[in-house]
Amino acid sequence: MAGDETLADLRVAMEGCRVDKEGRLGGLEKWKKEQNGELKLIRRKGSATLVAIILLLIGVVANLAIERTTPAQDLPAAVEEAIEEQLPSMIESIVHQVLESTNTP
């Protein structure tokens, strides 16, 4: 009889360990999913910041190029003309690249 009780106690203890293990694994999986979600958010924010920096640099380079090539022209009008002609296609290209990079796993 004592052997049966000991065996039953061991089975109860083993079942408790199994449930505890499953709970811990479930917790780790949940934590991993949360971390992946946060990393994706950080990547998106980083991509948006990168796009903003690139657009700013494009504007600076465009200003410098226009100023050096045509110093006699009205500078604000020349900058406006260059932005109207070139910037939309550059922005579109950059946005497509960012979207493609955020869509890939």
Protein backbone atom coordinates (compact mmCIF):
# COMPACT_ATOMS: atom_id res chain seq x y z
CA MET A 1 0.00 0.00 0.00
CA ALA A 2 2.75 2.47 0.86
CA GLY A 3 4.35 1.80 -2.52
CA ASP A 4 1.05 2.61 -4.29
CA GLU A 5 0.69 5.87 -2.37
CA THR A 6 4.27 6.83 -3.17
CA LEU A 7 3.70 6.04 -6.82
CA ALA A 8 0.50 8.11 -6.84
CA ASP A 9 2.32 11.01 -5.16
CA LEU A 10 5.06 10.83 -7.79
CA ARG A 11 2.49 10.87 -10.58
CA VAL A 12 0.85 13.95 -9.09
CA ALA A 13 4.25 15.65 -8.79
CA MET A 14 5.16 14.72 -12.38
CA GLU A 15 1.84 16.11 -13.65
CA GLY A 16 2.51 19.33 -11.75
CA CYS A 17 5.94 19.62 -13.37
CA ARG A 18 4.48 19.02 -16.84
CA VAL A 19 1.82 21.72 -16.36
CA ASP A 20 4.47 24.11 -15.01
CA LYS A 21 6.71 23.40 -18.02
CA GLU A 22 3.86 24.02 -20.48
CA GLY A 23 3.01 27.26 -18.72
CA ARG A 24 6.60 28.47 -18.92
CA LEU A 25 6.88 27.54 -22.61
CA GLY A 26 3.62 29.36 -23.33
CA GLY A 27 4.91 32.42 -21.50
CA LEU A 28 8.15 32.36 -23.49
CA GLU A 29 6.26 32.11 -26.79
CA LYS A 30 4.06 35.07 -25.83
CA TRP A 31 7.10 37.11 -24.81
CA LYS A 32 8.84 36.26 -28.11
CA LYS A 33 5.81 37.44 -30.12
CA GLU A 34 5.67 40.69 -28.14
CA GLN A 35 9.37 41.31 -28.76
CA ASN A 36 9.00 40.66 -32.49
CA GLY A 37 6.11 43.14 -32.61
CA GLU A 38 8.19 45.78 -30.84
CA LEU A 39 11.14 45.18 -33.20
CA LYS A 40 8.87 45.66 -36.22
CA LEU A 41 7.60 48.93 -34.75
CA ILE A 42 11.17 50.11 -34.14
CA ARG A 43 12.11 49.21 -37.73
CA ARG A 44 9.14 51.18 -39.10
CA LYS A 45 10.00 54.22 -37.02
CA GLY A 46 13.65 53.93 -38.03
CA SER A 47 12.67 53.69 -41.69
CA ALA A 48 10.49 56.77 -41.39
CA THR A 49 13.34 58.68 -39.76
CA LEU A 50 15.72 57.52 -42.47
CA VAL A 51 13.32 58.68 -45.19
CA ALA A 52 13.04 62.09 -43.53
CA ILE A 53 16.83 62.42 -43.35
CA ILE A 54 17.22 61.36 -46.98
CA LEU A 55 14.62 63.90 -48.10
CA LEU A 56 16.38 66.61 -46.13
CA LEU A 57 19.71 65.71 -47.73
CA ILE A 58 18.12 65.70 -51.19
CA GLY A 59 16.87 69.21 -50.54
CA VAL A 60 20.28 70.41 -49.37
CA VAL A 61 22.05 68.84 -52.36
CA ALA A 62 19.48 70.30 -54.74
CA ASN A 63 20.01 73.75 -53.22
CA LEU A 64 23.77 73.47 -53.51
CA ALA A 65 23.64 72.18 -57.07
CA ILE A 66 21.29 74.93 -58.19
CA GLU A 67 23.29 77.63 -56.45
CA ARG A 68 26.54 76.53 -58.10
CA THR A 69 25.19 75.97 -61.57
CA THR A 70 22.97 79.03 -61.82
CA PRO A 71 24.02 81.75 -59.36
CA ALA A 72 22.56 84.53 -61.53
CA GLN A 73 19.01 83.17 -61.42
CA ASP A 74 16.41 83.88 -58.81
CA LEU A 75 17.39 81.23 -56.26
CA PRO A 76 13.97 80.60 -54.63
CA ALA A 77 12.34 80.17 -58.03
CA ALA A 78 15.06 77.79 -59.19
CA VAL A 79 14.77 75.69 -56.03
CA GLU A 80 11.01 75.56 -56.36
CA GLU A 81 11.33 74.48 -59.99
CA ALA A 82 13.82 71.74 -59.15
CA ILE A 83 11.67 70.45 -56.31
CA GLU A 84 8.57 70.38 -58.50
CA GLU A 85 10.40 68.47 -61.23
CA GLN A 86 12.58 66.00 -59.31
CA LEU A 87 11.39 65.56 -55.74
CA PRO A 88 8.08 63.70 -56.32
CA SER A 89 9.78 60.91 -58.27
CA MET A 90 12.53 60.64 -55.65
CA ILE A 91 10.02 60.52 -52.80
CA GLU A 92 7.96 57.90 -54.58
CA SER A 93 11.03 55.75 -55.15
CA ILE A 94 12.13 56.04 -51.50
CA VAL A 95 8.65 55.30 -50.17
CA HIS A 96 8.42 52.19 -52.34
CA GLN A 97 11.81 51.01 -51.08
CA VAL A 98 10.80 51.55 -47.45
CA LEU A 99 7.48 49.78 -47.93
CA GLU A 100 9.20 46.83 -49.57
CA SER A 101 11.74 46.60 -46.76
CA THR A 102 9.03 46.66 -44.07
CA ASN A 103 6.90 44.06 -45.85
CA THR A 104 9.67 41.46 -45.95
CA PRO A 105 9.87 39.27 -42.81
